[in-house]
Structures are given as C-alpha cells and as structure tokens.
Amino acid sequence: MFKAKKPTTEPDSMEKAYEYAVFLLSLRLRTEGEVREKMKGRGYHQNIVDDVIGQLSAQKYLDDQRYAEVFLDNLKKYKNFGFYGIKKKFMEKKLPSSIIESVLALGLTVDDEKIIAERFIKKEGLRIENQEDKQKAARKLAAKGFRNEVIFQVVRARVAPNTF
C-alpha cells in the first residue's frame, strides 16, 4: 500500500530541502519540474525550492537539456513512440516547451521515426495485405503518436503498388 506523503516538519530549512532533493535524484534522474513538484508536495516554501533548484543546477545535478537528449535517445532505441508520443512523454516529465521543441527538432528526424514505425509493425506482427489491414495499421501507428506523413509512407511501403 502507498503511504501518504509526510509533509516536512521544517518547510523553511534549506539544508533539509537540499537533502530531500538529492535523495530524489539518487533514486533516478529527474527534471527540474519533477523535483520542484515533489518538493512543493512535501510543503517546502517556494523561495527554498527555488534556491535548492538553483544550487542543484549550478552543480550540474539538474540539467533539463541533457536529460531530454538522453531520454529521447532511450525512447528511440527501446520504445515504439512516434513524434507526438515522445512529445507527450516529455510533457509528462515537466520539461519546458522550448527544450522539447529543440530536442525533437534536432534529435528525431522523419527517417528516425520511420525506423521506429517499422520496428513497431514488426513487433506487433501486423500484416498489411488489404485495405482493412492498412487502416488497422494506420490506427495503431496513430495511437502511438506517429506523424501522418510517416504513417502514410510506412503503410504504403508495405503494400503491393496496385492495392493502394
């Protein structure tokens, strides 16, 4: 069972707030937004949270740009999400939209997305032999967040030329 969050007994203690933030980062890498949300949930004052975040950023424990680059690389290698699916994952991690846009623009090309889509089709064992199969594959790819142009190119490449 989940335990209820314990509010801190010292919401204005910089030392306790810093220790809590480092503890969070020791469990796994987090974004600035995630750490900020966790600390607010614990009841730390806003100015303390801002100071701790600033200190962690200065010490390079928090780096949203680098986090986004590594996270994108892992999603591309090990998951089957398209552009919009990855963008949603970034937003769930509370990354700033400017970082999301720059990392996606540089790190996820249409060709990369096609490779991921092909991998997804193979993993799902989708056969694209008739119109119904094409529609089913297109829906599954759209549900995973692939762009329309990628869906069209991938589905069309797997169909005999006279059936599309």
C-alpha atoms as a PDB file:
ATOM      1  CA  MET A   1       0.000   0.000   0.000  1.00  0.00           C
ATOM      2  CA  PHE A   2       1.056   3.541  -0.620  1.00  0.00           C
ATOM      3  CA  LYS A   3       1.945   5.645   2.358  1.00  0.00           C
ATOM      4  CA  ALA A   4       0.593   9.156   2.486  1.00  0.00           C
ATOM      5  CA  LYS A   5       3.149  11.863   1.809  1.00  0.00           C
ATOM      6  CA  LYS A   6       4.563  13.218   5.012  1.00  0.00           C
ATOM      7  CA  PRO A   7       4.764  16.978   4.996  1.00  0.00           C
ATOM      8  CA  THR A   8       8.086  18.259   6.147  1.00  0.00           C
ATOM      9  CA  THR A   9       8.408  19.470   9.708  1.00  0.00           C
ATOM     10  CA  GLU A  10      10.847  22.160   8.595  1.00  0.00           C
ATOM     11  CA  PRO A  11       9.423  23.836   5.461  1.00  0.00           C
ATOM     12  CA  ASP A  12      11.948  26.677   5.685  1.00  0.00           C
ATOM     13  CA  SER A  13      15.090  24.564   6.195  1.00  0.00           C
ATOM     14  CA  MET A  14      17.423  24.920   3.231  1.00  0.00           C
ATOM     15  CA  GLU A  15      19.545  22.011   4.430  1.00  0.00           C
ATOM     16  CA  LYS A  16      16.616  19.582   4.745  1.00  0.00           C
ATOM     17  CA  ALA A  17      15.219  20.682   1.383  1.00  0.00           C
ATOM     18  CA  TYR A  18      18.592  20.146  -0.292  1.00  0.00           C
ATOM     19  CA  GLU A  19      18.938  16.696   1.300  1.00  0.00           C
ATOM     20  CA  TYR A  20      15.460  15.746   0.096  1.00  0.00           C
ATOM     21  CA  ALA A  21      16.206  16.935  -3.449  1.00  0.00           C
ATOM     22  CA  VAL A  22      19.482  14.986  -3.539  1.00  0.00           C
ATOM     23  CA  PHE A  23      17.632  11.940  -2.208  1.00  0.00           C
ATOM     24  CA  LEU A  24      15.124  12.249  -5.077  1.00  0.00           C
ATOM     25  CA  LEU A  25      17.946  12.487  -7.597  1.00  0.00           C
ATOM     26  CA  SER A  26      19.690   9.483  -6.056  1.00  0.00           C
ATOM     27  CA  LEU A  27      16.665   7.339  -6.862  1.00  0.00           C
ATOM     28  CA  ARG A  28      16.680   8.327 -10.549  1.00  0.00           C
ATOM     29  CA  LEU A  29      17.388  11.299 -12.753  1.00  0.00           C
ATOM     30  CA  ARG A  30      14.620  13.859 -12.714  1.00  0.00           C
ATOM     31  CA  THR A  31      13.778  17.094 -14.438  1.00  0.00           C
ATOM     32  CA  GLU A  32      13.688  20.428 -12.698  1.00  0.00           C
ATOM     33  CA  GLY A  33       9.885  20.390 -12.906  1.00  0.00           C
ATOM     34  CA  GLU A  34       9.645  16.967 -11.279  1.00  0.00           C
ATOM     35  CA  VAL A  35      11.936  17.933  -8.390  1.00  0.00           C
ATOM     36  CA  ARG A  36      10.078  21.219  -7.948  1.00  0.00           C
ATOM     37  CA  GLU A  37       6.709  19.408  -7.833  1.00  0.00           C
ATOM     38  CA  LYS A  38       7.938  16.807  -5.326  1.00  0.00           C
ATOM     39  CA  MET A  39       9.392  19.472  -3.053  1.00  0.00           C
ATOM     40  CA  LYS A  40       6.218  21.563  -3.155  1.00  0.00           C
ATOM     41  CA  GLY A  41       4.245  18.410  -2.376  1.00  0.00           C
ATOM     42  CA  ARG A  42       6.361  17.988   0.730  1.00  0.00           C
ATOM     43  CA  GLY A  43       5.498  21.513   1.845  1.00  0.00           C
ATOM     44  CA  TYR A  44       8.748  23.390   1.301  1.00  0.00           C
ATOM     45  CA  HIS A  45       8.411  27.142   0.837  1.00  0.00           C
ATOM     46  CA  GLN A  46       8.657  28.464  -2.720  1.00  0.00           C
ATOM     47  CA  ASN A  47      11.801  30.511  -2.077  1.00  0.00           C
ATOM     48  CA  ILE A  48      13.543  27.479  -0.541  1.00  0.00           C
ATOM     49  CA  VAL A  49      12.551  25.329  -3.528  1.00  0.00           C
ATOM     50  CA  ASP A  50      13.878  27.981  -5.941  1.00  0.00           C
ATOM     51  CA  ASP A  51      17.179  28.222  -4.041  1.00  0.00           C
ATOM     52  CA  VAL A  52      17.658  24.446  -3.971  1.00  0.00           C
ATOM     53  CA  ILE A  53      16.832  24.120  -7.680  1.00  0.00           C
ATOM     54  CA  GLY A  54      19.318  26.897  -8.453  1.00  0.00           C
ATOM     55  CA  GLN A  55      22.005  25.228  -6.378  1.00  0.00           C
ATOM     56  CA  LEU A  56      21.428  21.812  -7.989  1.00  0.00           C
ATOM     57  CA  SER A  57      21.502  23.373 -11.462  1.00  0.00           C
ATOM     58  CA  ALA A  58      24.757  25.180 -10.688  1.00  0.00           C
ATOM     59  CA  GLN A  59      26.251  21.881  -9.508  1.00  0.00           C
ATOM     60  CA  LYS A  60      25.030  20.190 -12.732  1.00  0.00           C
ATOM     61  CA  TYR A  61      22.820  17.742 -10.839  1.00  0.00           C
ATOM     62  CA  LEU A  62      19.844  19.136 -12.741  1.00  0.00           C
ATOM     63  CA  ASP A  63      20.184  19.745 -16.476  1.00  0.00           C
ATOM     64  CA  ASP A  64      16.890  19.573 -18.371  1.00  0.00           C
ATOM     65  CA  GLN A  65      18.552  19.895 -21.799  1.00  0.00           C
ATOM     66  CA  ARG A  66      20.839  16.922 -21.193  1.00  0.00           C
ATOM     67  CA  TYR A  67      18.015  14.947 -19.568  1.00  0.00           C
ATOM     68  CA  ALA A  68      15.832  15.488 -22.654  1.00  0.00           C
ATOM     69  CA  GLU A  69      18.600  14.384 -25.021  1.00  0.00           C
ATOM     70  CA  VAL A  70      19.277  11.181 -23.078  1.00  0.00           C
ATOM     71  CA  PHE A  71      15.551  10.480 -22.621  1.00  0.00           C
ATOM     72  CA  LEU A  72      14.933  10.915 -26.376  1.00  0.00           C
ATOM     73  CA  ASP A  73      17.812   8.603 -27.209  1.00  0.00           C
ATOM     74  CA  ASN A  74      16.415   5.917 -24.881  1.00  0.00           C
ATOM     75  CA  LEU A  75      12.890   6.276 -26.264  1.00  0.00           C
ATOM     76  CA  LYS A  76      14.194   5.956 -29.827  1.00  0.00           C
ATOM     77  CA  LYS A  77      16.218   2.845 -29.013  1.00  0.00           C
ATOM     78  CA  TYR A  78      13.898   0.956 -26.710  1.00  0.00           C
ATOM     79  CA  LYS A  79      10.321   2.185 -27.171  1.00  0.00           C
ATOM     80  CA  ASN A  80       7.957   2.479 -30.094  1.00  0.00           C
ATOM     81  CA  PHE A  81       6.585   6.001 -29.906  1.00  0.00           C
ATOM     82  CA  GLY A  82       6.247   8.465 -32.741  1.00  0.00           C
ATOM     83  CA  PHE A  83       6.872  12.208 -32.667  1.00  0.00           C
ATOM     84  CA  TYR A  84       3.688  13.105 -30.796  1.00  0.00           C
ATOM     85  CA  GLY A  85       4.012  10.162 -28.415  1.00  0.00           C
ATOM     86  CA  ILE A  86       7.526  11.253 -27.490  1.00  0.00           C
ATOM     87  CA  LYS A  87       6.394  14.852 -27.152  1.00  0.00           C
ATOM     88  CA  LYS A  88       3.695  13.701 -24.719  1.00  0.00           C
ATOM     89  CA  LYS A  89       6.282  11.778 -22.683  1.00  0.00           C
ATOM     90  CA  PHE A  90       8.428  14.923 -22.493  1.00  0.00           C
ATOM     91  CA  MET A  91       5.462  16.969 -21.309  1.00  0.00           C
ATOM     92  CA  GLU A  92       4.724  14.383 -18.614  1.00  0.00           C
ATOM     93  CA  LYS A  93       8.293  14.893 -17.386  1.00  0.00           C
ATOM     94  CA  LYS A  94       7.514  18.613 -16.989  1.00  0.00           C
ATOM     95  CA  LEU A  95      10.185  19.743 -19.419  1.00  0.00           C
ATOM     96  CA  PRO A  96       9.967  23.321 -20.742  1.00  0.00           C
ATOM     97  CA  SER A  97       8.391  23.542 -24.198  1.00  0.00           C
ATOM     98  CA  SER A  98      11.445  25.318 -25.623  1.00  0.00           C
ATOM     99  CA  ILE A  99      13.644  22.352 -24.701  1.00  0.00           C
ATOM    100  CA  ILE A 100      11.070  19.872 -26.010  1.00  0.00           C
ATOM    101  CA  GLU A 101      10.868  21.616 -29.381  1.00  0.00           C
ATOM    102  CA  SER A 102      14.638  21.992 -29.814  1.00  0.00           C
ATOM    103  CA  VAL A 103      15.461  18.417 -28.807  1.00  0.00           C
ATOM    104  CA  LEU A 104      12.760  16.945 -31.044  1.00  0.00           C
ATOM    105  CA  ALA A 105      13.751  19.124 -33.995  1.00  0.00           C
ATOM    106  CA  LEU A 106      17.389  18.069 -33.767  1.00  0.00           C
ATOM    107  CA  GLY A 107      17.054  14.537 -32.447  1.00  0.00           C
ATOM    108  CA  LEU A 108      14.056  12.965 -34.180  1.00  0.00           C
ATOM    109  CA  THR A 109      14.009  13.085 -37.949  1.00  0.00           C
ATOM    110  CA  VAL A 110      11.283  11.660 -40.171  1.00  0.00           C
ATOM    111  CA  ASP A 111      13.688   8.861 -41.126  1.00  0.00           C
ATOM    112  CA  ASP A 112      14.243   8.014 -37.447  1.00  0.00           C
ATOM    113  CA  GLU A 113      10.504   7.912 -36.953  1.00  0.00           C
ATOM    114  CA  LYS A 114      10.068   5.612 -39.971  1.00  0.00           C
ATOM    115  CA  ILE A 115      12.578   3.177 -38.500  1.00  0.00           C
ATOM    116  CA  ILE A 116      10.686   3.181 -35.198  1.00  0.00           C
ATOM    117  CA  ALA A 117       7.369   2.664 -37.045  1.00  0.00           C
ATOM    118  CA  GLU A 118       8.785  -0.278 -38.987  1.00  0.00           C
ATOM    119  CA  ARG A 119      10.060  -1.788 -35.737  1.00  0.00           C
ATOM    120  CA  PHE A 120       6.603  -1.336 -34.177  1.00  0.00           C
ATOM    121  CA  ILE A 121       4.844  -3.002 -37.131  1.00  0.00           C
ATOM    122  CA  LYS A 122       7.252  -5.927 -36.958  1.00  0.00           C
ATOM    123  CA  LYS A 123       6.865  -6.242 -33.183  1.00  0.00           C
ATOM    124  CA  GLU A 124       3.075  -6.185 -33.421  1.00  0.00           C
ATOM    125  CA  GLY A 125       3.178  -8.727 -36.249  1.00  0.00           C
ATOM    126  CA  LEU A 126       0.958  -6.558 -38.439  1.00  0.00           C
ATOM    127  CA  ARG A 127       0.352  -7.845 -41.956  1.00  0.00           C
ATOM    128  CA  ILE A 128      -0.682  -5.240 -44.451  1.00  0.00           C
ATOM    129  CA  GLU A 129      -2.325  -7.106 -47.291  1.00  0.00           C
ATOM    130  CA  ASN A 130      -5.631  -5.333 -47.887  1.00  0.00           C
ATOM    131  CA  GLN A 131      -7.468  -2.090 -47.161  1.00  0.00           C
ATOM    132  CA  GLU A 132      -8.693  -3.248 -43.751  1.00  0.00           C
ATOM    133  CA  ASP A 133      -5.129  -4.176 -42.702  1.00  0.00           C
ATOM    134  CA  LYS A 134      -3.866  -0.778 -43.854  1.00  0.00           C
ATOM    135  CA  GLN A 135      -6.493   1.004 -41.783  1.00  0.00           C
ATOM    136  CA  LYS A 136      -5.760  -1.099 -38.713  1.00  0.00           C
ATOM    137  CA  ALA A 137      -2.020  -0.471 -39.004  1.00  0.00           C
ATOM    138  CA  ALA A 138      -2.578   3.255 -39.546  1.00  0.00           C
ATOM    139  CA  ARG A 139      -4.790   3.459 -36.450  1.00  0.00           C
ATOM    140  CA  LYS A 140      -2.224   1.629 -34.319  1.00  0.00           C
ATOM    141  CA  LEU A 141       0.579   3.877 -35.543  1.00  0.00           C
ATOM    142  CA  ALA A 142      -1.521   6.999 -34.926  1.00  0.00           C
ATOM    143  CA  ALA A 143      -2.296   5.795 -31.406  1.00  0.00           C
ATOM    144  CA  LYS A 144       1.453   5.563 -30.745  1.00  0.00           C
ATOM    145  CA  GLY A 145       1.890   9.180 -31.838  1.00  0.00           C
ATOM    146  CA  PHE A 146       3.375   8.839 -35.308  1.00  0.00           C
ATOM    147  CA  ARG A 147       3.029  11.730 -37.744  1.00  0.00           C
ATOM    148  CA  ASN A 148       0.608  11.283 -40.647  1.00  0.00           C
ATOM    149  CA  GLU A 149       3.348  11.518 -43.281  1.00  0.00           C
ATOM    150  CA  VAL A 150       5.284   8.711 -41.564  1.00  0.00           C
ATOM    151  CA  ILE A 151       2.182   6.533 -41.282  1.00  0.00           C
ATOM    152  CA  PHE A 152       1.393   7.040 -44.957  1.00  0.00           C
ATOM    153  CA  GLN A 153       4.952   6.259 -46.077  1.00  0.00           C
ATOM    154  CA  VAL A 154       5.346   3.188 -43.877  1.00  0.00           C
ATOM    155  CA  VAL A 155       1.976   1.674 -44.724  1.00  0.00           C
ATOM    156  CA  ARG A 156       2.382   2.395 -48.427  1.00  0.00           C
ATOM    157  CA  ALA A 157       5.869   0.846 -48.494  1.00  0.00           C
ATOM    158  CA  ARG A 158       4.493  -2.428 -47.150  1.00  0.00           C
ATOM    159  CA  VAL A 159       1.652  -2.743 -49.663  1.00  0.00           C
ATOM    160  CA  ALA A 160       1.784  -4.003 -53.224  1.00  0.00           C
ATOM    161  CA  PRO A 161       1.739  -0.985 -55.608  1.00  0.00           C
ATOM    162  CA  ASN A 162      -1.626  -1.773 -57.207  1.00  0.00           C
ATOM    163  CA  THR A 163      -3.562  -2.061 -53.933  1.00  0.00           C
ATOM    164  CA  PHE A 164      -3.070   1.466 -52.583  1.00  0.00           C
END
